[in-house]
Amino acid sequence: MKVINTPGKYDGSQITPGWAAAEFKLNEDEDSIVVMRGPMDVKCEEMVDLEDLRNGEEIKGDDLVHFIVEHHDSNNVEIAYLRQRLFTCIVYEVLSENEIKINRRGDDLFFCNKKLSVSVATSGENSIKFHFGINVTSKGTPDYLETAGLAELGFDEDKIKKLSGEVCEKYAHEIKKIKSDIKKTKLF
């Protein structure tokens, strides 16, 4: 799995299949995690979550750490959501190891009932994909949401980079281990 770190704005177009391969000259079938740091502003035409679109909800923030993950071994949206949940659990675990008391509800993380993350999963013809964003600050987030950010939790630039690296490393390890376990399992 290729991990790429880059600054950038998440506008929703990055969730389209093959974006990372085209943007970073990867093999078309290479799994990837792109870690971007920057703002988020998803326009209606780029929204994947139909409920958010129907409700006219805004998906925005001034500063987030974005993880954009693509796998080419399936196009099953259920597997996309299962991997997204696994990723969410890993972020939860890493934050908990840093003695941050957070709660997880589905694919969302909360600090003191304030939303800390945003996430969506989808599938295309040849891949599954998900975006997971963690607020660095609550500035620029929708007014109707109470939000929290990593800065509020005491994370400076170094701790944010360390968190991002740990999350990517643990997720890649879990995926590799699952694939290894599948190969050594007798099927009936």
C-alpha atoms as a PDB file:
ATOM      1  CA  MET A   1       0.000   0.000   0.000  1.00  0.00           C
ATOM      2  CA  LYS A   2       1.447   3.351  -1.063  1.00  0.00           C
ATOM      3  CA  VAL A   3       1.199   6.233   1.444  1.00  0.00           C
ATOM      4  CA  ILE A   4       1.484   9.751   0.032  1.00  0.00           C
ATOM      5  CA  ASN A   5       1.667  12.925   2.146  1.00  0.00           C
ATOM      6  CA  THR A   6       0.712  16.190   0.479  1.00  0.00           C
ATOM      7  CA  PRO A   7      -0.919  19.502   1.308  1.00  0.00           C
ATOM      8  CA  GLY A   8      -4.228  20.189  -0.369  1.00  0.00           C
ATOM      9  CA  LYS A   9      -7.863  21.111  -0.204  1.00  0.00           C
ATOM     10  CA  TYR A  10     -10.420  18.321  -0.061  1.00  0.00           C
ATOM     11  CA  ASP A  11     -13.352  19.222  -2.303  1.00  0.00           C
ATOM     12  CA  GLY A  12     -14.876  15.774  -2.799  1.00  0.00           C
ATOM     13  CA  SER A  13     -13.411  15.193  -6.263  1.00  0.00           C
ATOM     14  CA  GLN A  14     -10.648  13.125  -4.639  1.00  0.00           C
ATOM     15  CA  ILE A  15     -13.142  10.369  -3.787  1.00  0.00           C
ATOM     16  CA  THR A  16     -13.542   9.472  -7.465  1.00  0.00           C
ATOM     17  CA  PRO A  17     -11.931   6.184  -8.527  1.00  0.00           C
ATOM     18  CA  GLY A  18      -8.399   6.459  -9.853  1.00  0.00           C
ATOM     19  CA  TRP A  19      -7.807   9.979  -8.512  1.00  0.00           C
ATOM     20  CA  ALA A  20      -4.614   9.065  -6.616  1.00  0.00           C
ATOM     21  CA  ALA A  21      -3.216   7.071  -9.542  1.00  0.00           C
ATOM     22  CA  ALA A  22      -3.741   9.988 -11.914  1.00  0.00           C
ATOM     23  CA  GLU A  23      -2.588  12.667  -9.459  1.00  0.00           C
ATOM     24  CA  PHE A  24       0.538  10.893  -8.194  1.00  0.00           C
ATOM     25  CA  LYS A  25       1.470   8.668 -11.172  1.00  0.00           C
ATOM     26  CA  LEU A  26       0.707   5.381  -9.398  1.00  0.00           C
ATOM     27  CA  ASN A  27      -0.040   2.057 -11.031  1.00  0.00           C
ATOM     28  CA  GLU A  28      -3.760   1.902 -11.756  1.00  0.00           C
ATOM     29  CA  ASP A  29      -4.202  -1.103  -9.453  1.00  0.00           C
ATOM     30  CA  GLU A  30      -1.978   0.113  -6.600  1.00  0.00           C
ATOM     31  CA  ASP A  31      -3.751   0.543  -3.254  1.00  0.00           C
ATOM     32  CA  SER A  32      -3.072   3.914  -1.686  1.00  0.00           C
ATOM     33  CA  ILE A  33      -3.573   6.219   1.256  1.00  0.00           C
ATOM     34  CA  VAL A  34      -3.232   9.891   0.448  1.00  0.00           C
ATOM     35  CA  VAL A  35      -2.798  12.026   3.554  1.00  0.00           C
ATOM     36  CA  MET A  36      -3.654  15.661   2.850  1.00  0.00           C
ATOM     37  CA  ARG A  37      -3.589  18.570   5.239  1.00  0.00           C
ATOM     38  CA  GLY A  38      -5.799  21.520   4.429  1.00  0.00           C
ATOM     39  CA  PRO A  39      -9.312  22.902   4.188  1.00  0.00           C
ATOM     40  CA  MET A  40     -12.439  21.062   3.094  1.00  0.00           C
ATOM     41  CA  ASP A  41     -15.354  22.372   1.091  1.00  0.00           C
ATOM     42  CA  VAL A  42     -17.473  19.765  -0.683  1.00  0.00           C
ATOM     43  CA  LYS A  43     -19.933  21.189  -3.197  1.00  0.00           C
ATOM     44  CA  CYS A  44     -23.256  19.457  -3.955  1.00  0.00           C
ATOM     45  CA  GLU A  45     -22.041  18.003  -7.252  1.00  0.00           C
ATOM     46  CA  GLU A  46     -19.199  16.198  -5.427  1.00  0.00           C
ATOM     47  CA  MET A  47     -21.231  14.850  -2.486  1.00  0.00           C
ATOM     48  CA  VAL A  48     -21.368  11.082  -2.121  1.00  0.00           C
ATOM     49  CA  ASP A  49     -23.575  10.920   0.980  1.00  0.00           C
ATOM     50  CA  LEU A  50     -27.111  11.116  -0.398  1.00  0.00           C
ATOM     51  CA  GLU A  51     -28.580  11.971   3.021  1.00  0.00           C
ATOM     52  CA  ASP A  52     -26.273  14.992   3.373  1.00  0.00           C
ATOM     53  CA  LEU A  53     -27.219  16.055  -0.136  1.00  0.00           C
ATOM     54  CA  ARG A  54     -30.957  15.612   0.512  1.00  0.00           C
ATOM     55  CA  ASN A  55     -30.716  17.594   3.761  1.00  0.00           C
ATOM     56  CA  GLY A  56     -28.666  20.368   2.155  1.00  0.00           C
ATOM     57  CA  GLU A  57     -25.916  19.858   4.706  1.00  0.00           C
ATOM     58  CA  GLU A  58     -22.528  21.481   4.375  1.00  0.00           C
ATOM     59  CA  ILE A  59     -19.296  19.518   4.466  1.00  0.00           C
ATOM     60  CA  LYS A  60     -16.577  22.025   5.216  1.00  0.00           C
ATOM     61  CA  GLY A  61     -13.829  23.097   7.583  1.00  0.00           C
ATOM     62  CA  ASP A  62     -10.801  25.372   7.599  1.00  0.00           C
ATOM     63  CA  ASP A  63      -8.158  22.794   8.544  1.00  0.00           C
ATOM     64  CA  LEU A  64      -8.327  19.002   8.564  1.00  0.00           C
ATOM     65  CA  VAL A  65      -6.109  15.996   8.137  1.00  0.00           C
ATOM     66  CA  HIS A  66      -7.641  14.033   5.252  1.00  0.00           C
ATOM     67  CA  PHE A  67      -7.068  10.344   4.599  1.00  0.00           C
ATOM     68  CA  ILE A  68      -8.188   9.235   1.125  1.00  0.00           C
ATOM     69  CA  VAL A  69      -7.950   5.451   0.821  1.00  0.00           C
ATOM     70  CA  GLU A  70      -8.418   3.354  -2.322  1.00  0.00           C
ATOM     71  CA  HIS A  71      -8.349  -0.440  -2.678  1.00  0.00           C
ATOM     72  CA  HIS A  72      -8.471  -2.269  -5.997  1.00  0.00           C
ATOM     73  CA  ASP A  73      -9.345  -5.769  -4.784  1.00  0.00           C
ATOM     74  CA  SER A  74     -13.109  -5.169  -4.692  1.00  0.00           C
ATOM     75  CA  ASN A  75     -15.876  -2.882  -5.850  1.00  0.00           C
ATOM     76  CA  ASN A  76     -18.285  -3.987  -3.107  1.00  0.00           C
ATOM     77  CA  VAL A  77     -19.574  -0.931  -1.240  1.00  0.00           C
ATOM     78  CA  GLU A  78     -20.170  -3.026   1.881  1.00  0.00           C
ATOM     79  CA  ILE A  79     -16.456  -3.879   1.996  1.00  0.00           C
ATOM     80  CA  ALA A  80     -15.733  -0.152   1.525  1.00  0.00           C
ATOM     81  CA  TYR A  81     -17.811   0.643   4.593  1.00  0.00           C
ATOM     82  CA  LEU A  82     -16.286  -2.208   6.606  1.00  0.00           C
ATOM     83  CA  ARG A  83     -12.789  -0.936   5.843  1.00  0.00           C
ATOM     84  CA  GLN A  84     -13.879   2.607   6.633  1.00  0.00           C
ATOM     85  CA  ARG A  85     -15.122   1.390  10.041  1.00  0.00           C
ATOM     86  CA  LEU A  86     -11.829  -0.447  10.592  1.00  0.00           C
ATOM     87  CA  PHE A  87      -9.992   2.777   9.786  1.00  0.00           C
ATOM     88  CA  THR A  88     -12.222   4.708  12.213  1.00  0.00           C
ATOM     89  CA  CYS A  89     -11.474   2.165  14.943  1.00  0.00           C
ATOM     90  CA  ILE A  90      -7.745   2.547  14.306  1.00  0.00           C
ATOM     91  CA  VAL A  91      -7.966   6.348  14.607  1.00  0.00           C
ATOM     92  CA  TYR A  92      -9.974   5.856  17.815  1.00  0.00           C
ATOM     93  CA  GLU A  93      -7.306   3.467  19.129  1.00  0.00           C
ATOM     94  CA  VAL A  94      -4.393   5.799  18.306  1.00  0.00           C
ATOM     95  CA  LEU A  95      -6.130   8.777  19.912  1.00  0.00           C
ATOM     96  CA  SER A  96      -6.962   6.673  22.979  1.00  0.00           C
ATOM     97  CA  GLU A  97      -3.297   5.640  23.241  1.00  0.00           C
ATOM     98  CA  ASN A  98      -2.566   9.380  23.467  1.00  0.00           C
ATOM     99  CA  GLU A  99      -4.938   9.482  26.468  1.00  0.00           C
ATOM    100  CA  ILE A 100      -7.605  11.374  24.536  1.00  0.00           C
ATOM    101  CA  LYS A 101     -11.073  10.375  25.755  1.00  0.00           C
ATOM    102  CA  ILE A 102     -13.234  10.193  22.659  1.00  0.00           C
ATOM    103  CA  ASN A 103     -16.331   8.278  21.617  1.00  0.00           C
ATOM    104  CA  ARG A 104     -17.057   6.466  18.381  1.00  0.00           C
ATOM    105  CA  ARG A 105     -20.489   6.251  16.805  1.00  0.00           C
ATOM    106  CA  GLY A 106     -20.317   4.327  13.538  1.00  0.00           C
ATOM    107  CA  ASP A 107     -17.780   6.080  11.344  1.00  0.00           C
ATOM    108  CA  ASP A 108     -17.705   9.286  13.426  1.00  0.00           C
ATOM    109  CA  LEU A 109     -15.505  10.278  16.368  1.00  0.00           C
ATOM    110  CA  PHE A 110     -16.603  12.702  19.087  1.00  0.00           C
ATOM    111  CA  PHE A 111     -14.829  14.598  21.861  1.00  0.00           C
ATOM    112  CA  CYS A 112     -17.195  15.783  24.620  1.00  0.00           C
ATOM    113  CA  ASN A 113     -20.096  15.149  22.184  1.00  0.00           C
ATOM    114  CA  LYS A 114     -18.483  17.480  19.635  1.00  0.00           C
ATOM    115  CA  LYS A 115     -17.885  16.004  16.194  1.00  0.00           C
ATOM    116  CA  LEU A 116     -14.184  15.458  15.547  1.00  0.00           C
ATOM    117  CA  SER A 117     -14.309  13.645  12.212  1.00  0.00           C
ATOM    118  CA  VAL A 118     -16.096  13.333   8.898  1.00  0.00           C
ATOM    119  CA  SER A 119     -16.121  10.273   6.663  1.00  0.00           C
ATOM    120  CA  VAL A 120     -17.741   8.663   3.647  1.00  0.00           C
ATOM    121  CA  ALA A 121     -17.214   5.479   1.643  1.00  0.00           C
ATOM    122  CA  THR A 122     -18.124   4.527  -1.896  1.00  0.00           C
ATOM    123  CA  SER A 123     -17.251   2.138  -4.697  1.00  0.00           C
ATOM    124  CA  GLY A 124     -16.538   2.395  -8.378  1.00  0.00           C
ATOM    125  CA  GLU A 125     -16.265  -0.049 -11.235  1.00  0.00           C
ATOM    126  CA  ASN A 126     -12.826  -1.341 -10.174  1.00  0.00           C
ATOM    127  CA  SER A 127     -12.219  -0.132  -6.630  1.00  0.00           C
ATOM    128  CA  ILE A 128     -13.535   0.909  -3.258  1.00  0.00           C
ATOM    129  CA  LYS A 129     -12.698   4.212  -1.700  1.00  0.00           C
ATOM    130  CA  PHE A 130     -13.214   6.205   1.470  1.00  0.00           C
ATOM    131  CA  HIS A 131     -12.378   9.609   2.887  1.00  0.00           C
ATOM    132  CA  PHE A 132     -11.771  10.126   6.575  1.00  0.00           C
ATOM    133  CA  GLY A 133     -11.111  13.656   7.809  1.00  0.00           C
ATOM    134  CA  ILE A 134     -10.121  14.778  11.303  1.00  0.00           C
ATOM    135  CA  ASN A 135     -10.663  18.402  12.258  1.00  0.00           C
ATOM    136  CA  VAL A 136      -7.472  20.165  13.294  1.00  0.00           C
ATOM    137  CA  THR A 137      -9.592  23.146  14.278  1.00  0.00           C
ATOM    138  CA  SER A 138     -13.340  23.642  14.563  1.00  0.00           C
ATOM    139  CA  LYS A 139     -13.098  26.887  12.569  1.00  0.00           C
ATOM    140  CA  GLY A 140     -15.021  26.955   9.319  1.00  0.00           C
ATOM    141  CA  THR A 141     -17.190  23.949  10.173  1.00  0.00           C
ATOM    142  CA  PRO A 142     -20.973  24.191   9.700  1.00  0.00           C
ATOM    143  CA  ASP A 143     -22.691  26.443  12.248  1.00  0.00           C
ATOM    144  CA  TYR A 144     -25.342  23.824  13.025  1.00  0.00           C
ATOM    145  CA  LEU A 145     -22.706  21.335  14.285  1.00  0.00           C
ATOM    146  CA  GLU A 146     -20.724  21.397  17.496  1.00  0.00           C
ATOM    147  CA  THR A 147     -17.233  20.374  16.470  1.00  0.00           C
ATOM    148  CA  ALA A 148     -13.839  19.802  18.056  1.00  0.00           C
ATOM    149  CA  GLY A 149     -10.341  19.760  16.609  1.00  0.00           C
ATOM    150  CA  LEU A 150      -7.000  18.154  17.323  1.00  0.00           C
ATOM    151  CA  ALA A 151      -5.520  21.538  18.321  1.00  0.00           C
ATOM    152  CA  GLU A 152      -8.137  21.734  21.075  1.00  0.00           C
ATOM    153  CA  LEU A 153      -6.948  18.314  22.253  1.00  0.00           C
ATOM    154  CA  GLY A 154      -3.356  19.529  22.589  1.00  0.00           C
ATOM    155  CA  PHE A 155      -1.999  18.325  19.249  1.00  0.00           C
ATOM    156  CA  ASP A 156       0.755  20.459  17.750  1.00  0.00           C
ATOM    157  CA  GLU A 157       2.198  19.988  14.242  1.00  0.00           C
ATOM    158  CA  ASP A 158       4.573  17.201  15.324  1.00  0.00           C
ATOM    159  CA  LYS A 159       1.848  15.262  17.148  1.00  0.00           C
ATOM    160  CA  ILE A 160      -0.462  15.598  14.135  1.00  0.00           C
ATOM    161  CA  LYS A 161       2.222  14.186  11.810  1.00  0.00           C
ATOM    162  CA  LYS A 162       2.932  11.372  14.261  1.00  0.00           C
ATOM    163  CA  LEU A 163      -0.791  10.568  14.532  1.00  0.00           C
ATOM    164  CA  SER A 164      -1.142  10.477  10.734  1.00  0.00           C
ATOM    165  CA  GLY A 165       1.856   8.173  10.369  1.00  0.00           C
ATOM    166  CA  GLU A 166       0.684   5.796  13.089  1.00  0.00           C
ATOM    167  CA  VAL A 167      -2.820   5.566  11.649  1.00  0.00           C
ATOM    168  CA  CYS A 168      -1.522   4.792   8.137  1.00  0.00           C
ATOM    169  CA  GLU A 169       0.985   2.253   9.442  1.00  0.00           C
ATOM    170  CA  LYS A 170      -1.593   0.432  11.587  1.00  0.00           C
ATOM    171  CA  TYR A 171      -4.203   0.404   8.827  1.00  0.00           C
ATOM    172  CA  ALA A 172      -1.738  -0.916   6.208  1.00  0.00           C
ATOM    173  CA  HIS A 173      -0.604  -3.581   8.685  1.00  0.00           C
ATOM    174  CA  GLU A 174      -4.199  -4.690   9.376  1.00  0.00           C
ATOM    175  CA  ILE A 175      -4.988  -4.987   5.661  1.00  0.00           C
ATOM    176  CA  LYS A 176      -1.759  -6.915   5.016  1.00  0.00           C
ATOM    177  CA  LYS A 177      -2.479  -9.222   7.968  1.00  0.00           C
ATOM    178  CA  ILE A 178      -6.062  -9.873   6.811  1.00  0.00           C
ATOM    179  CA  LYS A 179      -4.821 -10.793   3.315  1.00  0.00           C
ATOM    180  CA  SER A 180      -2.157 -13.057   4.848  1.00  0.00           C
ATOM    181  CA  ASP A 181      -4.761 -14.742   7.060  1.00  0.00           C
ATOM    182  CA  ILE A 182      -7.010 -15.351   4.038  1.00  0.00           C
ATOM    183  CA  LYS A 183      -4.160 -17.094   2.186  1.00  0.00           C
ATOM    184  CA  LYS A 184      -3.537 -19.510   5.061  1.00  0.00           C
ATOM    185  CA  THR A 185      -7.175 -20.335   5.757  1.00  0.00           C
ATOM    186  CA  LYS A 186      -8.776 -23.560   4.612  1.00  0.00           C
ATOM    187  CA  LEU A 187     -12.016 -22.802   2.808  1.00  0.00           C
ATOM    188  CA  PHE A 188     -15.023 -25.122   2.700  1.00  0.00           C
END
